[in-house]
N, C-alpha and C. Protein backbone atom coordinates (compact mmCIF):
# COMPACT_ATOMS: atom_id res chain seq x y z
N MET A 1 82.88 96.25 99.59
CA MET A 1 83.61 96.44 100.83
C MET A 1 82.94 95.77 101.91
N MET A 2 83.26 95.00 102.68
CA MET A 2 82.69 94.43 103.96
C MET A 2 82.87 95.65 105.15
N THR A 3 81.41 95.39 105.71
CA THR A 3 81.26 96.44 106.66
C THR A 3 82.07 95.60 108.00
N ARG A 4 81.98 96.39 109.21
CA ARG A 4 82.70 96.11 110.41
C ARG A 4 81.75 94.90 111.09
N ASP A 5 80.42 95.11 111.00
CA ASP A 5 79.46 94.22 111.54
C ASP A 5 79.17 93.04 110.73
N GLY A 6 79.44 93.02 109.41
CA GLY A 6 79.20 91.71 108.46
C GLY A 6 80.74 91.02 108.73
N LEU A 7 81.76 91.69 108.98
CA LEU A 7 82.98 90.83 109.29
C LEU A 7 82.86 90.09 110.60
N LYS A 8 82.49 90.97 111.64
CA LYS A 8 82.37 90.22 112.95
C LYS A 8 81.22 89.43 112.91
N ASP A 9 80.29 89.31 112.23
CA ASP A 9 79.20 88.12 112.07
C ASP A 9 80.04 87.04 111.40
N ILE A 10 80.54 87.22 110.33
CA ILE A 10 81.28 86.16 109.80
C ILE A 10 82.44 85.33 110.81
N LEU A 11 83.07 86.06 111.29
CA LEU A 11 84.32 85.78 111.94
C LEU A 11 83.82 85.05 113.31
N THR A 12 82.57 85.36 114.07
CA THR A 12 81.99 84.64 114.94
C THR A 12 81.42 83.27 114.78
N LYS A 13 81.53 82.92 113.56
CA LYS A 13 81.00 81.77 112.96
C LYS A 13 82.28 80.84 112.33
N SER A 14 83.11 81.43 112.01
CA SER A 14 84.39 80.70 111.05
C SER A 14 85.43 81.33 111.24
N VAL A 15 86.58 80.65 110.43
CA VAL A 15 87.80 81.20 110.34
C VAL A 15 87.94 81.95 108.93
N ALA A 16 88.44 83.35 108.69
CA ALA A 16 88.53 83.81 107.48
C ALA A 16 89.83 84.27 107.27
N SER A 17 90.42 84.43 105.84
CA SER A 17 91.60 85.23 105.68
C SER A 17 91.08 86.78 105.19
N VAL A 18 91.55 87.60 106.03
CA VAL A 18 91.48 89.12 105.81
C VAL A 18 92.63 89.71 105.09
N THR A 19 92.49 90.31 103.89
CA THR A 19 93.42 91.26 103.49
C THR A 19 93.19 92.61 103.75
N PHE A 20 94.21 93.20 104.26
CA PHE A 20 94.01 94.80 104.68
C PHE A 20 95.45 95.39 104.27
N THR A 21 95.34 96.82 104.49
CA THR A 21 96.52 97.73 104.09
C THR A 21 96.89 98.09 105.32
N LYS A 22 98.27 97.91 105.66
CA LYS A 22 98.74 98.30 107.13
C LYS A 22 99.05 99.76 106.86
N LYS A 23 99.54 100.27 108.19
CA LYS A 23 99.68 101.74 108.18
C LYS A 23 100.75 102.25 107.31
N ASP A 24 101.73 101.19 107.03
CA ASP A 24 102.78 101.60 106.29
C ASP A 24 102.53 101.66 104.80
N GLY A 25 101.43 101.02 104.69
CA GLY A 25 100.93 100.87 103.03
C GLY A 25 101.13 99.49 102.44
N THR A 26 101.81 98.65 103.32
CA THR A 26 101.97 97.26 102.61
C THR A 26 100.43 96.47 102.91
N SER A 27 100.52 95.61 102.12
CA SER A 27 99.29 94.64 102.28
C SER A 27 99.46 93.53 103.03
N ARG A 28 98.61 92.85 103.71
CA ARG A 28 98.61 91.77 104.73
C ARG A 28 97.56 90.86 104.65
N VAL A 29 97.86 89.46 104.68
CA VAL A 29 96.76 88.53 104.55
C VAL A 29 96.83 87.84 106.13
N MET A 30 95.63 88.14 106.81
CA MET A 30 95.70 87.52 108.23
C MET A 30 94.65 86.30 108.31
N ARG A 31 94.83 85.34 108.87
CA ARG A 31 93.97 84.18 108.99
C ARG A 31 93.53 84.53 110.61
N CYS A 32 92.06 84.73 110.63
CA CYS A 32 91.77 85.21 111.86
C CYS A 32 90.38 84.86 112.13
N THR A 33 89.99 84.90 113.72
CA THR A 33 88.55 84.31 113.92
C THR A 33 88.16 85.07 115.02
N LEU A 34 86.96 84.97 115.34
CA LEU A 34 86.20 85.41 116.73
C LEU A 34 85.34 84.11 117.09
N LYS A 35 85.65 82.91 116.44
CA LYS A 35 84.77 81.97 117.10
C LYS A 35 85.20 81.51 118.44
N GLU A 36 84.12 81.45 119.30
CA GLU A 36 84.74 81.28 120.71
C GLU A 36 85.82 80.06 121.01
N GLU A 37 85.36 78.90 120.47
CA GLU A 37 86.10 77.87 120.70
C GLU A 37 87.54 77.81 120.34
N LEU A 38 88.05 78.92 119.67
CA LEU A 38 89.29 78.95 119.13
C LEU A 38 89.95 80.05 119.67
N LEU A 39 89.38 80.78 120.73
CA LEU A 39 90.11 82.00 121.15
C LEU A 39 90.91 81.48 122.52
N PRO A 40 91.84 82.30 122.79
CA PRO A 40 92.56 82.00 124.19
C PRO A 40 91.46 82.19 125.51
N ALA A 41 91.77 81.58 126.65
CA ALA A 41 91.27 81.86 127.70
C ALA A 41 91.25 83.34 128.14
N VAL A 42 89.99 83.70 128.64
CA VAL A 42 89.65 85.15 129.22
C VAL A 42 90.58 85.48 130.44
N ASP A 43 91.24 86.49 130.38
CA ASP A 43 91.96 86.91 131.42
C ASP A 43 90.95 87.82 132.33
N THR A 44 90.73 87.27 133.74
CA THR A 44 89.78 87.80 134.48
C THR A 44 90.46 88.88 135.52
N ASP A 45 91.47 89.61 135.18
CA ASP A 45 92.23 90.49 136.11
C ASP A 45 91.25 91.47 136.08
N SER A 46 90.94 91.65 137.41
CA SER A 46 89.66 92.92 137.51
C SER A 46 90.31 94.23 137.43
N ASP A 47 91.97 94.45 137.55
CA ASP A 47 92.39 95.59 137.58
C ASP A 47 92.37 96.33 136.17
N LYS A 48 92.34 95.53 135.19
CA LYS A 48 92.53 96.02 133.83
C LYS A 48 91.39 97.16 133.46
N LYS A 49 91.60 97.99 132.74
CA LYS A 49 90.76 99.17 132.66
C LYS A 49 90.10 98.72 131.35
N GLU A 50 88.62 99.06 131.20
CA GLU A 50 87.94 98.82 130.03
C GLU A 50 88.07 99.84 128.82
N ARG A 51 88.44 99.29 127.65
CA ARG A 51 88.60 100.16 126.58
C ARG A 51 87.29 100.63 126.05
N LYS A 52 87.32 101.91 125.15
CA LYS A 52 86.31 102.46 124.59
C LYS A 52 86.49 101.64 123.36
N GLN A 53 85.22 101.48 122.77
CA GLN A 53 85.05 100.79 121.28
C GLN A 53 85.52 101.67 120.29
N ASN A 54 86.47 101.20 119.11
CA ASN A 54 86.68 101.89 118.18
C ASN A 54 85.82 101.46 117.24
N ASP A 55 84.93 102.15 116.45
CA ASP A 55 83.95 101.85 115.27
C ASP A 55 84.87 101.58 113.86
N GLU A 56 86.01 102.06 113.77
CA GLU A 56 86.82 101.72 112.62
C GLU A 56 87.68 100.69 112.62
N SER A 57 87.95 99.99 113.65
CA SER A 57 88.79 98.73 113.87
C SER A 57 87.97 97.53 114.38
N LEU A 58 88.56 96.24 114.49
CA LEU A 58 87.68 95.09 115.06
C LEU A 58 88.91 94.35 115.77
N ALA A 59 88.86 93.95 116.91
CA ALA A 59 89.92 93.24 117.70
C ALA A 59 89.59 91.66 117.05
N VAL A 60 90.48 91.05 116.50
CA VAL A 60 90.29 89.71 116.12
C VAL A 60 91.41 88.79 116.58
N TRP A 61 91.21 87.49 116.62
CA TRP A 61 92.41 86.57 117.26
C TRP A 61 93.05 86.11 115.69
N ASP A 62 94.37 86.51 115.72
CA ASP A 62 95.42 86.11 114.61
C ASP A 62 95.79 84.85 114.78
N LEU A 63 95.43 83.69 114.18
CA LEU A 63 95.55 82.24 114.39
C LEU A 63 97.16 81.64 113.96
N ASP A 64 97.73 82.62 113.33
CA ASP A 64 99.01 82.30 112.76
C ASP A 64 100.16 82.92 113.74
N LYS A 65 99.76 84.28 114.29
CA LYS A 65 100.66 84.83 115.22
C LYS A 65 100.29 84.48 116.80
N LYS A 66 98.87 83.67 116.86
CA LYS A 66 98.30 83.41 118.25
C LYS A 66 98.47 84.81 119.12
N ALA A 67 97.95 85.86 118.60
CA ALA A 67 97.54 87.11 119.20
C ALA A 67 96.51 87.91 118.82
N TRP A 68 96.12 88.80 119.62
CA TRP A 68 94.92 89.77 119.19
C TRP A 68 95.41 90.81 118.43
N ARG A 69 94.88 91.25 117.34
CA ARG A 69 95.14 92.20 116.29
C ARG A 69 93.95 93.02 115.93
N SER A 70 94.25 94.10 115.68
CA SER A 70 92.96 95.19 115.23
C SER A 70 93.10 95.50 113.76
């Protein structure tokens, strides 16, 4: 099984297909990345609240849905 940090390291360098089990028990394959040149522009809205890091999930850019997913 891949660790969160191991997955983050891979995704910052490339695109990967990640298979995971959703909350409803179904399996999903997601093509995702954290590669900077493939991410959307950063929203610099200063009114947004900073979120606390969840060590059990990792926010990634879903290349097919063009949205952030955890």
